[in-house]
Amino acid sequence: MSEQPSSKPSQTQLLFAAVVVMALIVVAVFVLSSKSEQPVENEKFKQDVVVPQTDPVKPVNTAQTQPEPEPEPEVVETYEPEPQPEPTPEPVEERIVEVKPAEPQLPSLDESDNEVKQSLGEYLTEQSLGLLVTEDMVRRTVVFVDNLAQGKVAKKHIPLSAPVDSFMALESDIIITDPNSFERYTPYVDMLSQMSNAQIVRLYKKFQPLIFEAYEEIGYEGEDFNYTLNEAISELLETQIPETSLPLIKDSVTYSYAYPEWEKLSDAQKQFLRMGPANMKRVKSKLAAVQKSLIK
């Protein structure tokens, strides 16, 4: 009869199993003890002690030679006030400085005749220059104008030579001035017309210092001559131009106007009438323009 295997473990198997169980228990205890040994943070200590934070040390990459990029600067928002409009500067008034040309040097009053004649010669013909009295020209003109402003004729100081022809009258039932007598004054009117208004004013301004000096010699303030000249011009401009021939009355060798309204005129105005209507119109037109230019 064969032997049947026994169903019970042998003693050797039991011993091996016990060793394995003991080994498992030891491993389990070791694992559990490792987990229990992890430190537990002391919350109170953590609150009382402030541990300074240190920046983590960046690993150095020796394989790369390129420098590390610098950190971008932190953008700090700042408040910028809104730009205020710049005040508009007030306009500065530019001062215009008038540069006057240097005044020409004038000769003395006693030696001024040649200078005056030469200046007039720039505008007048030889024939017209022959009508001038070339002796003491400035003084003669000043005295004549001063008397003219008062309605008088200073015959000894007339700056022009007298007409060659004498006065003539037509004697009939009514005595009137011979129209040919008016022509005696035409050369003088032509002389005045040869000069422009600007030329007349320019000559007057040029010799004004000598004119003022001569005016002071007869007892006036020099600058007052401007007023006197204006009055003399006005004296002639106020003279009415007759539309017809004026009747005359013969007194011995002289003549007077028959109508009182003409005879009562000043001596300067009656002398002006002797030039005749045509010449009077030309002279008055010129004098009015010159007067306007001098007043500016």
C-alpha atoms as a PDB file:
ATOM      1  CA  MET A   1       0.000   0.000   0.000  1.00  0.00           C
ATOM      2  CA  SER A   2       1.467   3.485  -1.128  1.00  0.00           C
ATOM      3  CA  GLU A   3       1.841   6.362   1.230  1.00  0.00           C
ATOM      4  CA  GLN A   4      -0.668   9.290   0.888  1.00  0.00           C
ATOM      5  CA  PRO A   5       0.697  12.750   1.149  1.00  0.00           C
ATOM      6  CA  SER A   6      -0.026  14.389   4.446  1.00  0.00           C
ATOM      7  CA  SER A   7      -2.333  17.478   4.301  1.00  0.00           C
ATOM      8  CA  LYS A   8      -0.724  19.136   7.297  1.00  0.00           C
ATOM      9  CA  PRO A   9       2.265  21.514   6.865  1.00  0.00           C
ATOM     10  CA  SER A  10       5.541  20.326   7.993  1.00  0.00           C
ATOM     11  CA  GLN A  11       7.495  21.915  10.716  1.00  0.00           C
ATOM     12  CA  THR A  12       9.956  23.387   8.249  1.00  0.00           C
ATOM     13  CA  GLN A  13       7.185  25.182   6.300  1.00  0.00           C
ATOM     14  CA  LEU A  14       5.796  26.656   9.481  1.00  0.00           C
ATOM     15  CA  LEU A  15       9.167  27.998  10.486  1.00  0.00           C
ATOM     16  CA  PHE A  16       9.652  29.652   7.042  1.00  0.00           C
ATOM     17  CA  ALA A  17       6.270  31.279   7.207  1.00  0.00           C
ATOM     18  CA  ALA A  18       6.964  32.697  10.603  1.00  0.00           C
ATOM     19  CA  VAL A  19      10.193  34.315   9.377  1.00  0.00           C
ATOM     20  CA  VAL A  20       8.427  35.915   6.416  1.00  0.00           C
ATOM     21  CA  VAL A  21       5.706  37.314   8.661  1.00  0.00           C
ATOM     22  CA  MET A  22       8.284  38.786  11.028  1.00  0.00           C
ATOM     23  CA  ALA A  23      10.102  40.433   8.148  1.00  0.00           C
ATOM     24  CA  LEU A  24       6.889  42.047   6.873  1.00  0.00           C
ATOM     25  CA  ILE A  25       6.113  43.354  10.353  1.00  0.00           C
ATOM     26  CA  VAL A  26       9.587  44.920  10.620  1.00  0.00           C
ATOM     27  CA  VAL A  27       9.211  46.647   7.190  1.00  0.00           C
ATOM     28  CA  ALA A  28       5.781  47.994   8.090  1.00  0.00           C
ATOM     29  CA  VAL A  29       7.018  49.384  11.384  1.00  0.00           C
ATOM     30  CA  PHE A  30       9.950  51.113   9.617  1.00  0.00           C
ATOM     31  CA  VAL A  31       7.722  52.749   7.062  1.00  0.00           C
ATOM     32  CA  LEU A  32       5.244  53.961   9.650  1.00  0.00           C
ATOM     33  CA  SER A  33       8.002  55.313  11.845  1.00  0.00           C
ATOM     34  CA  SER A  34       9.465  57.298   8.890  1.00  0.00           C
ATOM     35  CA  LYS A  35       6.164  59.023   8.269  1.00  0.00           C
ATOM     36  CA  SER A  36       5.672  59.883  11.910  1.00  0.00           C
ATOM     37  CA  GLU A  37       9.121  61.428  12.227  1.00  0.00           C
ATOM     38  CA  GLN A  38       8.370  64.331   9.783  1.00  0.00           C
ATOM     39  CA  PRO A  39       8.620  67.630  11.727  1.00  0.00           C
ATOM     40  CA  VAL A  40       5.454  69.472  12.623  1.00  0.00           C
ATOM     41  CA  GLU A  41       5.623  73.263  12.262  1.00  0.00           C
ATOM     42  CA  ASN A  42       5.224  75.249  15.424  1.00  0.00           C
ATOM     43  CA  GLU A  43       2.581  77.822  14.430  1.00  0.00           C
ATOM     44  CA  LYS A  44       3.376  80.054  17.395  1.00  0.00           C
ATOM     45  CA  PHE A  45       7.058  80.047  16.589  1.00  0.00           C
ATOM     46  CA  LYS A  46       6.260  80.824  12.983  1.00  0.00           C
ATOM     47  CA  GLN A  47       4.234  83.888  14.028  1.00  0.00           C
ATOM     48  CA  ASP A  48       6.875  85.246  16.479  1.00  0.00           C
ATOM     49  CA  VAL A  49       9.974  84.771  14.320  1.00  0.00           C
ATOM     50  CA  VAL A  50      10.297  86.512  10.999  1.00  0.00           C
ATOM     51  CA  VAL A  51      12.636  84.606   8.789  1.00  0.00           C
ATOM     52  CA  PRO A  52      14.177  86.819   6.103  1.00  0.00           C
ATOM     53  CA  GLN A  53      13.397  85.675   2.643  1.00  0.00           C
ATOM     54  CA  THR A  54      16.322  85.015   0.436  1.00  0.00           C
ATOM     55  CA  ASP A  55      16.202  85.092  -3.306  1.00  0.00           C
ATOM     56  CA  PRO A  56      16.610  81.688  -4.791  1.00  0.00           C
ATOM     57  CA  VAL A  57      20.000  81.131  -6.321  1.00  0.00           C
ATOM     58  CA  LYS A  58      19.647  80.746 -10.030  1.00  0.00           C
ATOM     59  CA  PRO A  59      21.577  77.901 -11.481  1.00  0.00           C
ATOM     60  CA  VAL A  60      24.437  78.989 -13.668  1.00  0.00           C
ATOM     61  CA  ASN A  61      24.246  77.601 -17.140  1.00  0.00           C
ATOM     62  CA  THR A  62      27.882  77.160 -18.124  1.00  0.00           C
ATOM     63  CA  ALA A  63      26.903  75.874 -21.514  1.00  0.00           C
ATOM     64  CA  GLN A  64      25.685  79.322 -22.668  1.00  0.00           C
ATOM     65  CA  THR A  65      27.994  82.337 -23.007  1.00  0.00           C
ATOM     66  CA  GLN A  66      25.285  84.936 -23.728  1.00  0.00           C
ATOM     67  CA  PRO A  67      24.610  87.262 -20.821  1.00  0.00           C
ATOM     68  CA  GLU A  68      21.315  86.952 -19.124  1.00  0.00           C
ATOM     69  CA  PRO A  69      18.827  89.661 -20.166  1.00  0.00           C
ATOM     70  CA  GLU A  70      18.455  92.433 -17.682  1.00  0.00           C
ATOM     71  CA  PRO A  71      15.068  92.575 -16.013  1.00  0.00           C
ATOM     72  CA  GLU A  72      12.758  95.133 -17.523  1.00  0.00           C
ATOM     73  CA  PRO A  73      12.417  98.251 -15.386  1.00  0.00           C
ATOM     74  CA  GLU A  74       9.289  98.415 -13.417  1.00  0.00           C
ATOM     75  CA  VAL A  75       6.862 100.843 -14.984  1.00  0.00           C
ATOM     76  CA  VAL A  76       5.748 103.313 -12.396  1.00  0.00           C
ATOM     77  CA  GLU A  77       2.699 105.287 -13.301  1.00  0.00           C
ATOM     78  CA  THR A  78       3.159 108.958 -12.552  1.00  0.00           C
ATOM     79  CA  TYR A  79       0.667 111.785 -12.700  1.00  0.00           C
ATOM     80  CA  GLU A  80       1.399 114.305 -15.366  1.00  0.00           C
ATOM     81  CA  PRO A  81      -0.610 117.520 -15.228  1.00  0.00           C
ATOM     82  CA  GLU A  82      -2.393 118.509 -18.360  1.00  0.00           C
ATOM     83  CA  PRO A  83      -0.335 121.015 -20.360  1.00  0.00           C
ATOM     84  CA  GLN A  84      -1.606 124.524 -19.902  1.00  0.00           C
ATOM     85  CA  PRO A  85      -1.772 126.743 -22.995  1.00  0.00           C
ATOM     86  CA  GLU A  86       1.055 129.237 -23.090  1.00  0.00           C
ATOM     87  CA  PRO A  87      -0.133 132.801 -22.656  1.00  0.00           C
ATOM     88  CA  THR A  88      -0.191 134.738 -25.870  1.00  0.00           C
ATOM     89  CA  PRO A  89       2.385 137.511 -25.604  1.00  0.00           C
ATOM     90  CA  GLU A  90       1.016 140.954 -26.092  1.00  0.00           C
ATOM     91  CA  PRO A  91       2.081 142.468 -29.394  1.00  0.00           C
ATOM     92  CA  VAL A  92       4.980 144.804 -29.000  1.00  0.00           C
ATOM     93  CA  GLU A  93       4.501 147.992 -30.897  1.00  0.00           C
ATOM     94  CA  GLU A  94       7.408 148.526 -33.171  1.00  0.00           C
ATOM     95  CA  ARG A  95       8.808 151.960 -33.045  1.00  0.00           C
ATOM     96  CA  ILE A  96       9.495 153.359 -36.436  1.00  0.00           C
ATOM     97  CA  VAL A  97      12.481 155.584 -36.271  1.00  0.00           C
ATOM     98  CA  GLU A  98      12.474 158.102 -39.061  1.00  0.00           C
ATOM     99  CA  VAL A  99      15.953 158.712 -40.317  1.00  0.00           C
ATOM    100  CA  LYS A 100      16.186 162.206 -41.673  1.00  0.00           C
ATOM    101  CA  PRO A 101      18.870 163.017 -44.183  1.00  0.00           C
ATOM    102  CA  ALA A 102      21.554 165.370 -43.048  1.00  0.00           C
ATOM    103  CA  GLU A 103      20.627 168.964 -43.708  1.00  0.00           C
ATOM    104  CA  PRO A 104      22.882 170.670 -46.238  1.00  0.00           C
ATOM    105  CA  GLN A 105      25.270 173.242 -44.899  1.00  0.00           C
ATOM    106  CA  LEU A 106      23.950 176.682 -45.750  1.00  0.00           C
ATOM    107  CA  PRO A 107      26.045 179.804 -46.146  1.00  0.00           C
ATOM    108  CA  SER A 108      25.526 182.767 -43.883  1.00  0.00           C
ATOM    109  CA  LEU A 109      22.591 185.084 -44.536  1.00  0.00           C
ATOM    110  CA  ASP A 110      24.895 187.791 -45.901  1.00  0.00           C
ATOM    111  CA  GLU A 111      26.486 185.368 -48.373  1.00  0.00           C
ATOM    112  CA  SER A 112      23.416 183.395 -49.402  1.00  0.00           C
ATOM    113  CA  ASP A 113      22.546 185.102 -52.721  1.00  0.00           C
ATOM    114  CA  ASN A 114      24.679 182.839 -54.916  1.00  0.00           C
ATOM    115  CA  GLU A 115      23.300 179.697 -53.235  1.00  0.00           C
ATOM    116  CA  VAL A 116      19.699 180.868 -53.653  1.00  0.00           C
ATOM    117  CA  LYS A 117      20.191 181.843 -57.307  1.00  0.00           C
ATOM    118  CA  GLN A 118      21.941 178.556 -58.072  1.00  0.00           C
ATOM    119  CA  SER A 119      19.113 176.546 -56.483  1.00  0.00           C
ATOM    120  CA  LEU A 120      16.472 178.477 -58.427  1.00  0.00           C
ATOM    121  CA  GLY A 121      18.504 177.958 -61.596  1.00  0.00           C
ATOM    122  CA  GLU A 122      17.873 174.217 -61.334  1.00  0.00           C
ATOM    123  CA  TYR A 123      14.204 174.821 -62.167  1.00  0.00           C
ATOM    124  CA  LEU A 124      13.970 178.172 -63.983  1.00  0.00           C
ATOM    125  CA  THR A 125      14.988 179.305 -67.440  1.00  0.00           C
ATOM    126  CA  GLU A 126      17.564 182.031 -67.996  1.00  0.00           C
ATOM    127  CA  GLN A 127      14.758 184.390 -68.953  1.00  0.00           C
ATOM    128  CA  SER A 128      12.948 183.778 -65.708  1.00  0.00           C
ATOM    129  CA  LEU A 129      16.122 184.159 -63.669  1.00  0.00           C
ATOM    130  CA  GLY A 130      16.527 187.593 -65.249  1.00  0.00           C
ATOM    131  CA  LEU A 131      13.312 188.717 -63.533  1.00  0.00           C
ATOM    132  CA  LEU A 132      14.826 188.213 -60.061  1.00  0.00           C
ATOM    133  CA  VAL A 133      16.527 190.856 -57.962  1.00  0.00           C
ATOM    134  CA  THR A 134      19.683 188.989 -56.946  1.00  0.00           C
ATOM    135  CA  GLU A 135      20.764 191.298 -54.129  1.00  0.00           C
ATOM    136  CA  ASP A 136      19.833 190.324 -50.568  1.00  0.00           C
ATOM    137  CA  MET A 137      17.306 187.839 -51.934  1.00  0.00           C
ATOM    138  CA  VAL A 138      16.245 186.196 -48.671  1.00  0.00           C
ATOM    139  CA  ARG A 139      15.796 189.451 -46.750  1.00  0.00           C
ATOM    140  CA  ARG A 140      13.831 191.049 -49.615  1.00  0.00           C
ATOM    141  CA  THR A 141      11.464 188.090 -49.816  1.00  0.00           C
ATOM    142  CA  VAL A 142      10.864 187.993 -46.067  1.00  0.00           C
ATOM    143  CA  VAL A 143      10.041 191.728 -45.831  1.00  0.00           C
ATOM    144  CA  PHE A 144       7.835 191.613 -48.928  1.00  0.00           C
ATOM    145  CA  VAL A 145       5.845 188.623 -47.627  1.00  0.00           C
ATOM    146  CA  ASP A 146       5.444 190.234 -44.205  1.00  0.00           C
ATOM    147  CA  ASN A 147       3.929 193.358 -45.787  1.00  0.00           C
ATOM    148  CA  LEU A 148       1.806 191.280 -48.162  1.00  0.00           C
ATOM    149  CA  ALA A 149       0.240 189.451 -45.208  1.00  0.00           C
ATOM    150  CA  GLN A 150      -0.870 192.888 -43.947  1.00  0.00           C
ATOM    151  CA  GLY A 151      -2.307 193.855 -47.336  1.00  0.00           C
ATOM    152  CA  LYS A 152       0.585 196.182 -48.189  1.00  0.00           C
ATOM    153  CA  VAL A 153       3.077 196.315 -51.042  1.00  0.00           C
ATOM    154  CA  ALA A 154       6.675 196.973 -49.949  1.00  0.00           C
ATOM    155  CA  LYS A 155       7.846 198.458 -53.252  1.00  0.00           C
ATOM    156  CA  LYS A 156      11.431 198.936 -52.108  1.00  0.00           C
ATOM    157  CA  HIS A 157      11.716 195.267 -51.140  1.00  0.00           C
ATOM    158  CA  ILE A 158      10.017 193.563 -54.094  1.00  0.00           C
ATOM    159  CA  PRO A 159      12.190 190.514 -54.939  1.00  0.00           C
ATOM    160  CA  LEU A 160      11.292 190.818 -58.635  1.00  0.00           C
ATOM    161  CA  SER A 161      12.230 193.451 -61.137  1.00  0.00           C
ATOM    162  CA  ALA A 162       9.448 195.791 -62.314  1.00  0.00           C
ATOM    163  CA  PRO A 163       7.739 195.141 -65.675  1.00  0.00           C
ATOM    164  CA  VAL A 164       9.406 196.817 -68.635  1.00  0.00           C
ATOM    165  CA  ASP A 165       6.179 198.241 -70.030  1.00  0.00           C
ATOM    166  CA  SER A 166       4.084 200.787 -68.135  1.00  0.00           C
ATOM    167  CA  PHE A 167       0.429 200.552 -67.221  1.00  0.00           C
ATOM    168  CA  MET A 168      -1.959 201.529 -70.045  1.00  0.00           C
ATOM    169  CA  ALA A 169      -5.644 202.389 -70.024  1.00  0.00           C
ATOM    170  CA  LEU A 170      -8.275 202.767 -72.740  1.00  0.00           C
ATOM    171  CA  GLU A 171      -9.936 206.128 -72.306  1.00  0.00           C
ATOM    172  CA  SER A 172     -13.378 206.582 -73.799  1.00  0.00           C
ATOM    173  CA  ASP A 173     -16.750 207.200 -72.232  1.00  0.00           C
ATOM    174  CA  ILE A 174     -15.596 204.675 -69.685  1.00  0.00           C
ATOM    175  CA  ILE A 175     -11.968 204.273 -68.726  1.00  0.00           C
ATOM    176  CA  ILE A 176     -10.837 200.681 -68.441  1.00  0.00           C
ATOM    177  CA  THR A 177      -7.513 198.884 -68.235  1.00  0.00           C
ATOM    178  CA  ASP A 178      -5.949 198.101 -71.593  1.00  0.00           C
ATOM    179  CA  PRO A 179      -5.880 194.253 -71.902  1.00  0.00           C
ATOM    180  CA  ASN A 180      -2.325 194.539 -73.223  1.00  0.00           C
ATOM    181  CA  SER A 181      -1.292 195.810 -69.797  1.00  0.00           C
ATOM    182  CA  PHE A 182      -2.188 192.409 -68.344  1.00  0.00           C
ATOM    183  CA  GLU A 183       0.436 190.805 -70.538  1.00  0.00           C
ATOM    184  CA  ARG A 184       3.169 192.649 -68.643  1.00  0.00           C
ATOM    185  CA  TYR A 185       2.759 190.142 -65.834  1.00  0.00           C
ATOM    186  CA  THR A 186       2.590 186.974 -67.904  1.00  0.00           C
ATOM    187  CA  PRO A 187       6.382 186.300 -67.705  1.00  0.00           C
ATOM    188  CA  TYR A 188       6.144 186.340 -63.885  1.00  0.00           C
ATOM    189  CA  VAL A 189       3.252 183.920 -63.942  1.00  0.00           C
ATOM    190  CA  ASP A 190       5.190 181.692 -66.351  1.00  0.00           C
ATOM    191  CA  MET A 191       8.130 181.708 -63.950  1.00  0.00           C
ATOM    192  CA  LEU A 192       5.878 180.532 -61.122  1.00  0.00           C
ATOM    193  CA  SER A 193       4.378 177.823 -63.356  1.00  0.00           C
ATOM    194  CA  GLN A 194       7.806 176.452 -64.282  1.00  0.00           C
ATOM    195  CA  MET A 195       8.254 175.080 -60.769  1.00  0.00           C
ATOM    196  CA  SER A 196       6.184 172.221 -59.414  1.00  0.00           C
ATOM    197  CA  ASN A 197       4.532 172.463 -56.024  1.00  0.00           C
ATOM    198  CA  ALA A 198       7.033 169.981 -54.598  1.00  0.00           C
ATOM    199  CA  GLN A 199       9.968 172.019 -55.915  1.00  0.00           C
ATOM    200  CA  ILE A 200       8.624 175.230 -54.394  1.00  0.00           C
ATOM    201  CA  VAL A 201       8.120 173.538 -51.023  1.00  0.00           C
ATOM    202  CA  ARG A 202      11.559 171.900 -51.243  1.00  0.00           C
ATOM    203  CA  LEU A 203      13.268 175.256 -51.813  1.00  0.00           C
ATOM    204  CA  TYR A 204      11.353 176.818 -48.965  1.00  0.00           C
ATOM    205  CA  LYS A 205      12.337 174.012 -46.587  1.00  0.00           C
ATOM    206  CA  LYS A 206      15.957 174.188 -47.705  1.00  0.00           C
ATOM    207  CA  PHE A 207      16.372 177.877 -46.952  1.00  0.00           C
ATOM    208  CA  GLN A 208      14.027 177.969 -43.992  1.00  0.00           C
ATOM    209  CA  PRO A 209      16.814 178.496 -41.413  1.00  0.00           C
ATOM    210  CA  LEU A 210      17.970 181.617 -43.271  1.00  0.00           C
ATOM    211  CA  ILE A 211      14.375 182.787 -43.714  1.00  0.00           C
ATOM    212  CA  PHE A 212      13.734 182.459 -39.980  1.00  0.00           C
ATOM    213  CA  GLU A 213      16.950 184.345 -39.245  1.00  0.00           C
ATOM    214  CA  ALA A 214      15.922 187.206 -41.543  1.00  0.00           C
ATOM    215  CA  TYR A 215      12.472 187.285 -39.943  1.00  0.00           C
ATOM    216  CA  GLU A 216      14.023 187.600 -36.505  1.00  0.00           C
ATOM    217  CA  GLU A 217      16.044 190.591 -37.732  1.00  0.00           C
ATOM    218  CA  ILE A 218      12.831 192.570 -38.218  1.00  0.00           C
ATOM    219  CA  GLY A 219      11.597 191.772 -34.711  1.00  0.00           C
ATOM    220  CA  TYR A 220       9.615 188.535 -34.941  1.00  0.00           C
ATOM    221  CA  GLU A 221      10.028 184.969 -33.777  1.00  0.00           C
ATOM    222  CA  GLY A 222      11.619 183.051 -36.626  1.00  0.00           C
ATOM    223  CA  GLU A 223       9.108 180.203 -36.761  1.00  0.00           C
ATOM    224  CA  ASP A 224       6.211 182.676 -36.949  1.00  0.00           C
ATOM    225  CA  PHE A 225       7.101 183.240 -40.573  1.00  0.00           C
ATOM    226  CA  ASN A 226       5.185 180.070 -41.487  1.00  0.00           C
ATOM    227  CA  TYR A 227       2.005 181.715 -40.230  1.00  0.00           C
ATOM    228  CA  THR A 228       2.874 184.973 -42.003  1.00  0.00           C
ATOM    229  CA  LEU A 229       3.448 183.185 -45.317  1.00  0.00           C
ATOM    230  CA  ASN A 230       0.087 181.462 -44.998  1.00  0.00           C
ATOM    231  CA  GLU A 231      -1.596 184.814 -44.338  1.00  0.00           C
ATOM    232  CA  ALA A 232       0.070 186.402 -47.371  1.00  0.00           C
ATOM    233  CA  ILE A 233      -1.132 183.602 -49.637  1.00  0.00           C
ATOM    234  CA  SER A 234      -4.643 183.857 -48.203  1.00  0.00           C
ATOM    235  CA  GLU A 235      -4.654 187.620 -48.872  1.00  0.00           C
ATOM    236  CA  LEU A 236      -4.303 186.985 -52.604  1.00  0.00           C
ATOM    237  CA  LEU A 237      -6.596 183.950 -52.705  1.00  0.00           C
ATOM    238  CA  GLU A 238      -9.405 186.019 -51.184  1.00  0.00           C
ATOM    239  CA  THR A 239      -9.213 188.522 -54.019  1.00  0.00           C
ATOM    240  CA  GLN A 240     -12.226 188.147 -56.265  1.00  0.00           C
ATOM    241  CA  ILE A 241     -11.541 187.792 -59.983  1.00  0.00           C
ATOM    242  CA  PRO A 242     -13.653 190.306 -61.980  1.00  0.00           C
ATOM    243  CA  GLU A 243     -15.810 188.873 -64.753  1.00  0.00           C
ATOM    244  CA  THR A 244     -15.710 192.068 -66.864  1.00  0.00           C
ATOM    245  CA  SER A 245     -13.398 195.011 -67.300  1.00  0.00           C
ATOM    246  CA  LEU A 246     -13.515 197.301 -64.299  1.00  0.00           C
ATOM    247  CA  PRO A 247     -14.183 201.013 -64.927  1.00  0.00           C
ATOM    248  CA  LEU A 248     -11.496 203.374 -63.697  1.00  0.00           C
ATOM    249  CA  ILE A 249     -11.331 206.988 -62.535  1.00  0.00           C
ATOM    250  CA  LYS A 250      -8.322 209.058 -63.504  1.00  0.00           C
ATOM    251  CA  ASP A 251      -6.851 211.192 -60.764  1.00  0.00           C
ATOM    252  CA  SER A 252      -4.100 213.342 -62.293  1.00  0.00           C
ATOM    253  CA  VAL A 253      -1.503 210.718 -63.248  1.00  0.00           C
ATOM    254  CA  THR A 254      -2.974 207.818 -61.295  1.00  0.00           C
ATOM    255  CA  TYR A 255      -6.076 205.685 -61.646  1.00  0.00           C
ATOM    256  CA  SER A 256      -8.535 204.348 -59.108  1.00  0.00           C
ATOM    257  CA  TYR A 257     -11.437 201.948 -59.369  1.00  0.00           C
ATOM    258  CA  ALA A 258     -14.816 203.546 -59.984  1.00  0.00           C
ATOM    259  CA  TYR A 259     -16.729 201.055 -57.861  1.00  0.00           C
ATOM    260  CA  PRO A 260     -16.174 201.394 -54.096  1.00  0.00           C
ATOM    261  CA  GLU A 261     -16.239 197.618 -53.482  1.00  0.00           C
ATOM    262  CA  TRP A 262     -13.118 197.279 -55.628  1.00  0.00           C
ATOM    263  CA  GLU A 263     -11.396 200.423 -54.489  1.00  0.00           C
ATOM    264  CA  LYS A 264     -11.681 199.466 -50.815  1.00  0.00           C
ATOM    265  CA  LEU A 265      -9.587 196.354 -51.361  1.00  0.00           C
ATOM    266  CA  SER A 266      -6.108 196.328 -49.853  1.00  0.00           C
ATOM    267  CA  ASP A 267      -3.164 197.662 -51.851  1.00  0.00           C
ATOM    268  CA  ALA A 268      -1.889 194.093 -52.281  1.00  0.00           C
ATOM    269  CA  GLN A 269      -5.219 192.897 -53.670  1.00  0.00           C
ATOM    270  CA  LYS A 270      -5.551 195.870 -56.065  1.00  0.00           C
ATOM    271  CA  GLN A 271      -2.035 195.194 -57.324  1.00  0.00           C
ATOM    272  CA  PHE A 272      -3.108 191.613 -57.911  1.00  0.00           C
ATOM    273  CA  LEU A 273      -6.080 192.840 -59.999  1.00  0.00           C
ATOM    274  CA  ARG A 274      -3.663 194.598 -62.385  1.00  0.00           C
ATOM    275  CA  MET A 275      -2.430 191.189 -63.549  1.00  0.00           C
ATOM    276  CA  GLY A 276      -5.754 190.568 -65.316  1.00  0.00           C
ATOM    277  CA  PRO A 277      -8.312 187.759 -64.910  1.00  0.00           C
ATOM    278  CA  ALA A 278      -6.372 185.111 -66.879  1.00  0.00           C
ATOM    279  CA  ASN A 279      -3.137 185.582 -64.941  1.00  0.00           C
ATOM    280  CA  MET A 280      -5.008 185.793 -61.638  1.00  0.00           C
ATOM    281  CA  LYS A 281      -6.600 182.380 -62.233  1.00  0.00           C
ATOM    282  CA  ARG A 282      -3.227 180.781 -62.922  1.00  0.00           C
ATOM    283  CA  VAL A 283      -1.613 182.353 -59.876  1.00  0.00           C
ATOM    284  CA  LYS A 284      -4.484 181.500 -57.523  1.00  0.00           C
ATOM    285  CA  SER A 285      -4.472 177.873 -58.655  1.00  0.00           C
ATOM    286  CA  LYS A 286      -0.753 177.612 -57.953  1.00  0.00           C
ATOM    287  CA  LEU A 287      -0.907 179.410 -54.617  1.00  0.00           C
ATOM    288  CA  ALA A 288      -3.776 177.223 -53.384  1.00  0.00           C
ATOM    289  CA  ALA A 289      -1.800 174.056 -54.138  1.00  0.00           C
ATOM    290  CA  VAL A 290       1.361 175.405 -52.501  1.00  0.00           C
ATOM    291  CA  GLN A 291      -0.532 176.516 -49.416  1.00  0.00           C
ATOM    292  CA  LYS A 292      -2.040 173.052 -49.060  1.00  0.00           C
ATOM    293  CA  SER A 293       1.384 171.458 -49.351  1.00  0.00           C
ATOM    294  CA  LEU A 294       2.899 173.761 -46.733  1.00  0.00           C
ATOM    295  CA  ILE A 295       0.141 173.082 -44.201  1.00  0.00           C
ATOM    296  CA  LYS A 296       0.728 169.270 -44.286  1.00  0.00           C
END
